[in-house]
PDB file of N, CA and C in Angstrom:
ATOM      1  N   UNK A   1       4.516   3.535  23.646  1.00  0.00           N
ATOM      2  CA  UNK A   1       5.330   2.992  22.599  1.00  0.00           C
ATOM      3  C   UNK A   1       4.848   1.611  22.182  1.00  0.00           C
ATOM      4  N   UNK A   2       4.362   0.851  23.155  1.00  0.00           N
ATOM      5  CA  UNK A   2       3.881  -0.485  22.832  1.00  0.00           C
ATOM      6  C   UNK A   2       2.653  -0.409  21.933  1.00  0.00           C
ATOM      7  N   UNK A   3       1.825   0.601  22.164  1.00  0.00           N
ATOM      8  CA  UNK A   3       0.635   0.778  21.330  1.00  0.00           C
ATOM      9  C   UNK A   3       1.037   1.120  19.889  1.00  0.00           C
ATOM     10  N   UNK A   4       2.058   1.971  19.725  1.00  0.00           N
ATOM     11  CA  UNK A   4       2.567   2.274  18.385  1.00  0.00           C
ATOM     12  C   UNK A   4       3.133   1.022  17.718  1.00  0.00           C
ATOM     13  N   UNK A   5       3.800   0.189  18.509  1.00  0.00           N
ATOM     14  CA  UNK A   5       4.377  -1.029  17.957  1.00  0.00           C
ATOM     15  C   UNK A   5       3.271  -1.971  17.469  1.00  0.00           C
ATOM     16  N   UNK A   6       2.230  -2.091  18.243  1.00  0.00           N
ATOM     17  CA  UNK A   6       1.124  -2.966  17.854  1.00  0.00           C
ATOM     18  C   UNK A   6       0.366  -2.404  16.657  1.00  0.00           C
ATOM     19  N   UNK A   7       0.187  -1.094  16.643  1.00  0.00           N
ATOM     20  CA  UNK A   7      -0.622  -0.458  15.601  1.00  0.00           C
ATOM     21  C   UNK A   7       0.123  -0.318  14.277  1.00  0.00           C
ATOM     22  N   UNK A   8       1.380   0.147  14.342  1.00  0.00           N
ATOM     23  CA  UNK A   8       2.124   0.486  13.126  1.00  0.00           C
ATOM     24  C   UNK A   8       3.326  -0.415  12.854  1.00  0.00           C
ATOM     25  N   UNK A   9       3.713  -1.238  13.800  1.00  0.00           N
ATOM     26  CA  UNK A   9       4.859  -2.109  13.598  1.00  0.00           C
ATOM     27  C   UNK A   9       6.188  -1.428  13.858  1.00  0.00           C
ATOM     28  N   UNK A  10       6.138  -0.266  14.473  1.00  0.00           N
ATOM     29  CA  UNK A  10       7.360   0.484  14.781  1.00  0.00           C
ATOM     30  C   UNK A  10       7.108   1.266  16.065  1.00  0.00           C
ATOM     31  N   UNK A  11       8.110   1.347  16.960  1.00  0.00           N
ATOM     32  CA  UNK A  11       7.857   2.032  18.236  1.00  0.00           C
ATOM     33  C   UNK A  11       7.628   3.538  18.100  1.00  0.00           C
ATOM     34  N   UNK A  12       8.084   4.153  17.003  1.00  0.00           N
ATOM     35  CA  UNK A  12       7.898   5.589  16.826  1.00  0.00           C
ATOM     36  C   UNK A  12       6.597   5.939  16.113  1.00  0.00           C
ATOM     37  N   UNK A  13       5.852   4.956  15.688  1.00  0.00           N
ATOM     38  CA  UNK A  13       4.596   5.228  14.999  1.00  0.00           C
ATOM     39  C   UNK A  13       4.724   4.951  13.501  1.00  0.00           C
ATOM     40  N   UNK A  14       3.781   5.497  12.745  1.00  0.00           N
ATOM     41  CA  UNK A  14       3.750   5.265  11.303  1.00  0.00           C
ATOM     42  C   UNK A  14       4.932   5.958  10.629  1.00  0.00           C
ATOM     43  N   UNK A  15       5.661   5.209   9.828  1.00  0.00           N
ATOM     44  CA  UNK A  15       6.835   5.772   9.160  1.00  0.00           C
ATOM     45  C   UNK A  15       6.438   6.765   8.074  1.00  0.00           C
ATOM     46  N   UNK A  16       5.287   6.565   7.447  1.00  0.00           N
ATOM     47  CA  UNK A  16       4.862   7.502   6.402  1.00  0.00           C
ATOM     48  C   UNK A  16       4.591   8.886   6.993  1.00  0.00           C
ATOM     49  N   UNK A  17       4.037   8.946   8.168  1.00  0.00           N
ATOM     50  CA  UNK A  17       3.792  10.230   8.821  1.00  0.00           C
ATOM     51  C   UNK A  17       5.114  10.874   9.215  1.00  0.00           C
ATOM     52  N   UNK A  18       6.079  10.086   9.659  1.00  0.00           N
ATOM     53  CA  UNK A  18       7.395  10.628  10.006  1.00  0.00           C
ATOM     54  C   UNK A  18       8.094  11.196   8.777  1.00  0.00           C
ATOM     55  N   UNK A  19       7.936  10.536   7.624  1.00  0.00           N
ATOM     56  CA  UNK A  19       8.560  11.036   6.398  1.00  0.00           C
ATOM     57  C   UNK A  19       7.946  12.371   6.011  1.00  0.00           C
ATOM     58  N   UNK A  20       6.620  12.481   6.100  1.00  0.00           N
ATOM     59  CA  UNK A  20       5.951  13.742   5.773  1.00  0.00           C
ATOM     60  C   UNK A  20       6.397  14.840   6.730  1.00  0.00           C
ATOM     61  N   UNK A  21       6.519  14.529   7.982  1.00  0.00           N
ATOM     62  CA  UNK A  21       6.963  15.516   8.962  1.00  0.00           C
ATOM     63  C   UNK A  21       8.402  15.953   8.698  1.00  0.00           C
ATOM     64  N   UNK A  22       9.243  15.066   8.184  1.00  0.00           N
ATOM     65  CA  UNK A  22      10.617  15.436   7.861  1.00  0.00           C
ATOM     66  C   UNK A  22      10.691  16.286   6.599  1.00  0.00           C
ATOM     67  N   UNK A  23       9.842  15.995   5.635  1.00  0.00           N
ATOM     68  CA  UNK A  23       9.887  16.713   4.365  1.00  0.00           C
ATOM     69  C   UNK A  23       9.287  18.108   4.455  1.00  0.00           C
ATOM     70  N   UNK A  24       8.230  18.262   5.203  1.00  0.00           N
ATOM     71  CA  UNK A  24       7.539  19.538   5.298  1.00  0.00           C
ATOM     72  C   UNK A  24       7.896  20.250   6.596  1.00  0.00           C
ATOM     73  N   UNK A  25       8.005  21.558   6.547  1.00  0.00           N
ATOM     74  CA  UNK A  25       8.176  22.296   7.800  1.00  0.00           C
ATOM     75  C   UNK A  25       6.933  22.125   8.683  1.00  0.00           C
ATOM     76  N   UNK A  26       7.108  22.275   9.954  1.00  0.00           N
ATOM     77  CA  UNK A  26       6.005  22.009  10.880  1.00  0.00           C
ATOM     78  C   UNK A  26       4.859  23.001  10.721  1.00  0.00           C
ATOM     79  N   UNK A  27       5.120  24.224  10.239  1.00  0.00           N
ATOM     80  CA  UNK A  27       4.030  25.194  10.128  1.00  0.00           C
ATOM     81  C   UNK A  27       3.065  24.828   8.994  1.00  0.00           C
ATOM     82  N   UNK A  28       3.471  23.973   8.042  1.00  0.00           N
ATOM     83  CA  UNK A  28       2.544  23.524   7.009  1.00  0.00           C
ATOM     84  C   UNK A  28       1.454  22.632   7.587  1.00  0.00           C
ATOM     85  N   UNK A  29       1.773  21.925   8.643  1.00  0.00           N
ATOM     86  CA  UNK A  29       0.809  21.017   9.260  1.00  0.00           C
ATOM     87  C   UNK A  29      -0.062  21.707  10.301  1.00  0.00           C
ATOM     88  N   UNK A  30       0.206  22.961  10.595  1.00  0.00           N
ATOM     89  CA  UNK A  30      -0.568  23.714  11.571  1.00  0.00           C
ATOM     90  C   UNK A  30      -1.960  24.007  11.017  1.00  0.00           C
ATOM     91  N   UNK A  31      -3.019  23.717  11.755  1.00  0.00           N
ATOM     92  CA  UNK A  31      -4.377  23.970  11.249  1.00  0.00           C
ATOM     93  C   UNK A  31      -4.647  25.438  10.921  1.00  0.00           C
ATOM     94  N   UNK A  32      -3.986  26.360  11.586  1.00  0.00           N
ATOM     95  CA  UNK A  32      -4.202  27.780  11.301  1.00  0.00           C
ATOM     96  C   UNK A  32      -3.598  28.185   9.950  1.00  0.00           C
ATOM     97  N   UNK A  33      -2.662  27.408   9.458  1.00  0.00           N
ATOM     98  CA  UNK A  33      -1.979  27.735   8.209  1.00  0.00           C
ATOM     99  C   UNK A  33      -2.625  27.061   6.989  1.00  0.00           C
ATOM    100  N   UNK A  34      -3.614  26.199   7.205  1.00  0.00           N
ATOM    101  CA  UNK A  34      -4.224  25.448   6.107  1.00  0.00           C
ATOM    102  C   UNK A  34      -4.855  26.320   5.022  1.00  0.00           C
ATOM    103  N   UNK A  35      -5.552  27.415   5.345  1.00  0.00           N
ATOM    104  CA  UNK A  35      -6.090  28.252   4.250  1.00  0.00           C
ATOM    105  C   UNK A  35      -4.999  28.833   3.359  1.00  0.00           C
ATOM    106  N   UNK A  36      -3.878  29.209   3.940  1.00  0.00           N
ATOM    107  CA  UNK A  36      -2.778  29.750   3.139  1.00  0.00           C
ATOM    108  C   UNK A  36      -2.160  28.664   2.263  1.00  0.00           C
ATOM    109  N   UNK A  37      -2.026  27.459   2.794  1.00  0.00           N
ATOM    110  CA  UNK A  37      -1.486  26.350   2.006  1.00  0.00           C
ATOM    111  C   UNK A  37      -2.430  26.017   0.861  1.00  0.00           C
ATOM    112  N   UNK A  38      -3.709  25.983   1.121  1.00  0.00           N
ATOM    113  CA  UNK A  38      -4.691  25.686   0.089  1.00  0.00           C
ATOM    114  C   UNK A  38      -4.695  26.761  -0.991  1.00  0.00           C
ATOM    115  N   UNK A  39      -4.671  28.023  -0.590  1.00  0.00           N
ATOM    116  CA  UNK A  39      -4.643  29.121  -1.549  1.00  0.00           C
ATOM    117  C   UNK A  39      -3.355  29.107  -2.372  1.00  0.00           C
ATOM    118  N   UNK A  40      -2.246  28.884  -1.723  1.00  0.00           N
ATOM    119  CA  UNK A  40      -0.961  28.833  -2.431  1.00  0.00           C
ATOM    120  C   UNK A  40      -0.889  27.683  -3.413  1.00  0.00           C
ATOM    121  N   UNK A  41      -1.359  26.513  -3.016  1.00  0.00           N
ATOM    122  CA  UNK A  41      -1.309  25.371  -3.926  1.00  0.00           C
ATOM    123  C   UNK A  41      -2.275  25.568  -5.098  1.00  0.00           C
ATOM    124  N   UNK A  42      -3.427  26.177  -4.857  1.00  0.00           N
ATOM    125  CA  UNK A  42      -4.369  26.473  -5.937  1.00  0.00           C
ATOM    126  C   UNK A  42      -3.757  27.482  -6.912  1.00  0.00           C
ATOM    127  N   UNK A  43      -3.123  28.525  -6.393  1.00  0.00           N
ATOM    128  CA  UNK A  43      -2.461  29.509  -7.248  1.00  0.00           C
ATOM    129  C   UNK A  43      -1.319  28.899  -8.040  1.00  0.00           C
ATOM    130  N   UNK A  44      -0.572  27.999  -7.427  1.00  0.00           N
ATOM    131  CA  UNK A  44       0.521  27.329  -8.122  1.00  0.00           C
ATOM    132  C   UNK A  44       0.003  26.450  -9.255  1.00  0.00           C
ATOM    133  N   UNK A  45      -1.091  25.759  -9.015  1.00  0.00           N
ATOM    134  CA  UNK A  45      -1.692  24.932 -10.075  1.00  0.00           C
ATOM    135  C   UNK A  45      -2.151  25.798 -11.236  1.00  0.00           C
ATOM    136  N   UNK A  46      -2.770  26.923 -10.953  1.00  0.00           N
ATOM    137  CA  UNK A  46      -3.223  27.819 -12.022  1.00  0.00           C
ATOM    138  C   UNK A  46      -2.021  28.368 -12.786  1.00  0.00           C
ATOM    139  N   UNK A  47      -0.957  28.727 -12.079  1.00  0.00           N
ATOM    140  CA  UNK A  47       0.241  29.251 -12.743  1.00  0.00           C
ATOM    141  C   UNK A  47       0.872  28.196 -13.648  1.00  0.00           C
ATOM    142  N   UNK A  48       0.901  26.960 -13.213  1.00  0.00           N
ATOM    143  CA  UNK A  48       1.475  25.887 -14.034  1.00  0.00           C
ATOM    144  C   UNK A  48       0.639  25.672 -15.295  1.00  0.00           C
ATOM    145  N   UNK A  49      -0.682  25.683 -15.155  1.00  0.00           N
ATOM    146  CA  UNK A  49      -1.560  25.501 -16.319  1.00  0.00           C
ATOM    147  C   UNK A  49      -1.393  26.665 -17.293  1.00  0.00           C
ATOM    148  N   UNK A  50      -1.348  27.887 -16.796  1.00  0.00           N
ATOM    149  CA  UNK A  50      -1.175  29.047 -17.674  1.00  0.00           C
ATOM    150  C   UNK A  50       0.182  29.015 -18.381  1.00  0.00           C
ATOM    151  N   UNK A  51       1.220  28.613 -17.678  1.00  0.00           N
ATOM    152  CA  UNK A  51       2.545  28.517 -18.282  1.00  0.00           C
ATOM    153  C   UNK A  51       2.550  27.458 -19.388  1.00  0.00           C
ATOM    154  N   UNK A  52       1.923  26.312 -19.132  1.00  0.00           N
ATOM    155  CA  UNK A  52       1.862  25.255 -20.143  1.00  0.00           C
ATOM    156  C   UNK A  52       1.082  25.720 -21.364  1.00  0.00           C
ATOM    157  N   UNK A  53      -0.021  26.420 -21.145  1.00  0.00           N
ATOM    158  CA  UNK A  53      -0.805  26.939 -22.275  1.00  0.00           C
ATOM    159  C   UNK A  53       0.010  27.944 -23.080  1.00  0.00           C
ATOM    160  N   UNK A  54       0.758  28.803 -22.403  1.00  0.00           N
ATOM    161  CA  UNK A  54       1.582  29.792 -23.092  1.00  0.00           C
ATOM    162  C   UNK A  54       2.661  29.109 -23.935  1.00  0.00           C
ATOM    163  N   UNK A  55       3.310  28.091 -23.374  1.00  0.00           N
ATOM    164  CA  UNK A  55       4.353  27.380 -24.113  1.00  0.00           C
ATOM    165  C   UNK A  55       3.772  26.634 -25.309  1.00  0.00           C
ATOM    166  N   UNK A  56       2.606  26.019 -25.141  1.00  0.00           N
ATOM    167  CA  UNK A  56       1.986  25.312 -26.256  1.00  0.00           C
ATOM    168  C   UNK A  56       1.567  26.280 -27.350  1.00  0.00           C
ATOM    169  N   UNK A  57       1.030  27.415 -26.978  1.00  0.00           N
ATOM    170  CA  UNK A  57       0.617  28.406 -27.965  1.00  0.00           C
ATOM    171  C   UNK A  57       1.830  28.962 -28.706  1.00  0.00           C
ATOM    172  N   UNK A  58       2.910  29.202 -27.984  1.00  0.00           N
ATOM    173  CA  UNK A  58       4.126  29.729 -28.601  1.00  0.00           C
ATOM    174  C   UNK A  58       4.727  28.692 -29.551  1.00  0.00           C
ATOM    175  N   UNK A  59       4.718  27.437 -29.175  1.00  0.00           N
ATOM    176  CA  UNK A  59       5.320  26.419 -30.026  1.00  0.00           C
ATOM    177  C   UNK A  59       4.477  26.146 -31.263  1.00  0.00           C
ATOM    178  N   UNK A  60       3.191  26.452 -31.217  1.00  0.00           N
ATOM    179  CA  UNK A  60       2.359  26.219 -32.392  1.00  0.00           C
ATOM    180  C   UNK A  60       2.644  27.240 -33.484  1.00  0.00           C
ATOM    181  N   UNK A  61       3.225  28.384 -33.142  1.00  0.00           N
ATOM    182  CA  UNK A  61       3.563  29.391 -34.139  1.00  0.00           C
ATOM    183  C   UNK A  61       4.931  29.138 -34.770  1.00  0.00           C
ATOM    184  N   UNK A  62       5.736  28.311 -34.166  1.00  0.00           N
ATOM    185  CA  UNK A  62       7.090  28.070 -34.652  1.00  0.00           C
ATOM    186  C   UNK A  62       7.148  26.799 -35.487  1.00  0.00           C
ATOM    187  N   UNK A  63       8.013  26.804 -36.474  1.00  0.00           N
ATOM    188  CA  UNK A  63       8.295  25.611 -37.246  1.00  0.00           C
ATOM    189  C   UNK A  63       9.331  24.780 -36.505  1.00  0.00           C
ATOM    190  N   UNK A  64       9.740  23.661 -37.080  1.00  0.00           N
ATOM    191  CA  UNK A  64      10.698  22.793 -36.396  1.00  0.00           C
ATOM    192  C   UNK A  64      12.054  23.465 -36.213  1.00  0.00           C
ATOM    193  N   UNK A  65      12.450  24.337 -37.143  1.00  0.00           N
ATOM    194  CA  UNK A  65      13.747  24.975 -37.025  1.00  0.00           C
ATOM    195  C   UNK A  65      13.707  26.250 -36.194  1.00  0.00           C
ATOM    196  N   UNK A  66      12.548  26.587 -35.593  1.00  0.00           N
ATOM    197  CA  UNK A  66      12.449  27.739 -34.705  1.00  0.00           C
ATOM    198  C   UNK A  66      11.969  29.011 -35.370  1.00  0.00           C
ATOM    199  N   UNK A  67      11.764  28.996 -36.678  1.00  0.00           N
ATOM    200  CA  UNK A  67      11.278  30.179 -37.387  1.00  0.00           C
ATOM    201  C   UNK A  67       9.755  30.182 -37.305  1.00  0.00           C
ATOM    202  N   UNK A  68       9.178  31.333 -37.036  1.00  0.00           N
ATOM    203  CA  UNK A  68       7.722  31.400 -36.924  1.00  0.00           C
ATOM    204  C   UNK A  68       7.078  31.394 -38.307  1.00  0.00           C
ATOM    205  N   UNK A  69       5.814  30.993 -38.351  1.00  0.00           N
ATOM    206  CA  UNK A  69       5.066  30.963 -39.606  1.00  0.00           C
ATOM    207  C   UNK A  69       4.969  32.358 -40.214  1.00  0.00           C
ATOM    208  N   UNK A  70       4.815  33.354 -39.378  1.00  0.00           N
ATOM    209  CA  UNK A  70       4.667  34.732 -39.859  1.00  0.00           C
ATOM    210  C   UNK A  70       5.952  35.189 -40.549  1.00  0.00           C
ATOM    211  N   UNK A  71       7.098  34.894 -39.956  1.00  0.00           N
ATOM    212  CA  UNK A  71       8.372  35.272 -40.575  1.00  0.00           C
ATOM    213  C   UNK A  71       8.567  34.556 -41.905  1.00  0.00           C
ATOM    214  N   UNK A  72       8.153  33.296 -41.946  1.00  0.00           N
ATOM    215  CA  UNK A  72       8.301  32.523 -43.176  1.00  0.00           C
ATOM    216  C   UNK A  72       7.444  33.136 -44.283  1.00  0.00           C
ATOM    217  N   UNK A  73       6.210  33.503 -43.965  1.00  0.00           N
ATOM    218  CA  UNK A  73       5.330  34.104 -44.963  1.00  0.00           C
ATOM    219  C   UNK A  73       5.830  35.484 -45.391  1.00  0.00           C
ATOM    220  N   UNK A  74       6.330  36.272 -44.455  1.00  0.00           N
ATOM    221  CA  UNK A  74       6.884  37.586 -44.797  1.00  0.00           C
ATOM    222  C   UNK A  74       8.092  37.447 -45.718  1.00  0.00           C
ATOM    223  N   UNK A  75       8.965  36.480 -45.434  1.00  0.00           N
ATOM    224  CA  UNK A  75      10.142  36.267 -46.276  1.00  0.00           C
ATOM    225  C   UNK A  75       9.722  35.804 -47.665  1.00  0.00           C
ATOM    226  N   UNK A  76       8.740  34.934 -47.732  1.00  0.00           N
ATOM    227  CA  UNK A  76       8.254  34.466 -49.033  1.00  0.00           C
ATOM    228  C   UNK A  76       7.710  35.635 -49.860  1.00  0.00           C
ATOM    229  N   UNK A  77       6.926  36.505 -49.234  1.00  0.00           N
ATOM    230  CA  UNK A  77       6.378  37.668 -49.933  1.00  0.00           C
ATOM    231  C   UNK A  77       7.472  38.608 -50.414  1.00  0.00           C
ATOM    232  N   UNK A  78       8.482  38.821 -49.570  1.00  0.00           N
ATOM    233  CA  UNK A  78       9.578  39.706 -49.957  1.00  0.00           C
ATOM    234  C   UNK A  78      10.379  39.109 -51.118  1.00  0.00           C
ATOM    235  N   UNK A  79      10.652  37.817 -51.078  1.00  0.00           N
ATOM    236  CA  UNK A  79      11.389  37.177 -52.170  1.00  0.00           C
ATOM    237  C   UNK A  79      10.593  37.198 -53.474  1.00  0.00           C
ATOM    238  N   UNK A  80       9.279  36.967 -53.389  1.00  0.00           N
ATOM    239  CA  UNK A  80       8.447  37.023 -54.591  1.00  0.00           C
ATOM    240  C   UNK A  80       8.449  38.429 -55.183  1.00  0.00           C
ATOM    241  N   UNK A  81       8.414  39.451 -54.322  1.00  0.00           N
ATOM    242  CA  UNK A  81       8.458  40.834 -54.819  1.00  0.00           C
ATOM    243  C   UNK A  81       9.799  41.116 -55.487  1.00  0.00           C
ATOM    244  N   UNK A  82      10.877  40.605 -54.943  1.00  0.00           N
ATOM    245  CA  UNK A  82      12.198  40.801 -55.549  1.00  0.00           C
ATOM    246  C   UNK A  82      12.262  40.102 -56.908  1.00  0.00           C
ATOM    247  N   UNK A  83      11.753  38.863 -56.964  1.00  0.00           N
ATOM    248  CA  UNK A  83      11.761  38.138 -58.242  1.00  0.00           C
ATOM    249  C   UNK A  83      10.908  38.841 -59.293  1.00  0.00           C
ATOM    250  N   UNK A  84       9.762  39.377 -58.891  1.00  0.00           N
ATOM    251  CA  UNK A  84       8.901  40.097 -59.846  1.00  0.00           C
ATOM    252  C   UNK A  84       9.588  41.365 -60.344  1.00  0.00           C
ATOM    253  N   UNK A  85      10.279  42.073 -59.458  1.00  0.00           N
ATOM    254  CA  UNK A  85      11.010  43.284 -59.867  1.00  0.00           C
ATOM    255  C   UNK A  85      12.135  42.931 -60.844  1.00  0.00           C
ATOM    256  N   UNK A  86      12.803  41.815 -60.629  1.00  0.00           N
ATOM    257  CA  UNK A  86      13.890  41.412 -61.507  1.00  0.00           C
ATOM    258  C   UNK A  86      13.361  40.951 -62.879  1.00  0.00           C
ATOM    259  N   UNK A  87      12.160  40.340 -62.898  1.00  0.00           N
ATOM    260  CA  UNK A  87      11.583  39.901 -64.172  1.00  0.00           C
ATOM    261  C   UNK A  87      11.158  41.083 -65.031  1.00  0.00           C
ATOM    262  N   UNK A  88      10.753  42.194 -64.405  1.00  0.00           N
ATOM    263  CA  UNK A  88      10.298  43.368 -65.139  1.00  0.00           C
ATOM    264  C   UNK A  88      11.452  44.076 -65.838  1.00  0.00           C
ATOM    265  N   UNK A  89      12.622  43.989 -65.311  1.00  0.00           N
ATOM    266  CA  UNK A  89      13.766  44.711 -65.865  1.00  0.00           C
ATOM    267  C   UNK A  89      14.376  44.019 -67.019  1.00  0.00           C
TER     268      UNK A  89
END
């Protein structure tokens, strides 16, 4: 304990390591579990990037009021066809 006090300023050791140990379950720190943690964190990062790309792509098709560009163009074409039909009569 005296060595911990001299090294870290606390008899229990480094407080940052204690915080990490409290936040994470002990099996995350197990060396046998490291490949699974690495694979899981890599997969999570890829999933977050793909989700962000999907949301950005979806929002680029929508106008500010939530109507998509395609719906707006379809409605414009339909209204123009109605106006042309009414002008002919």
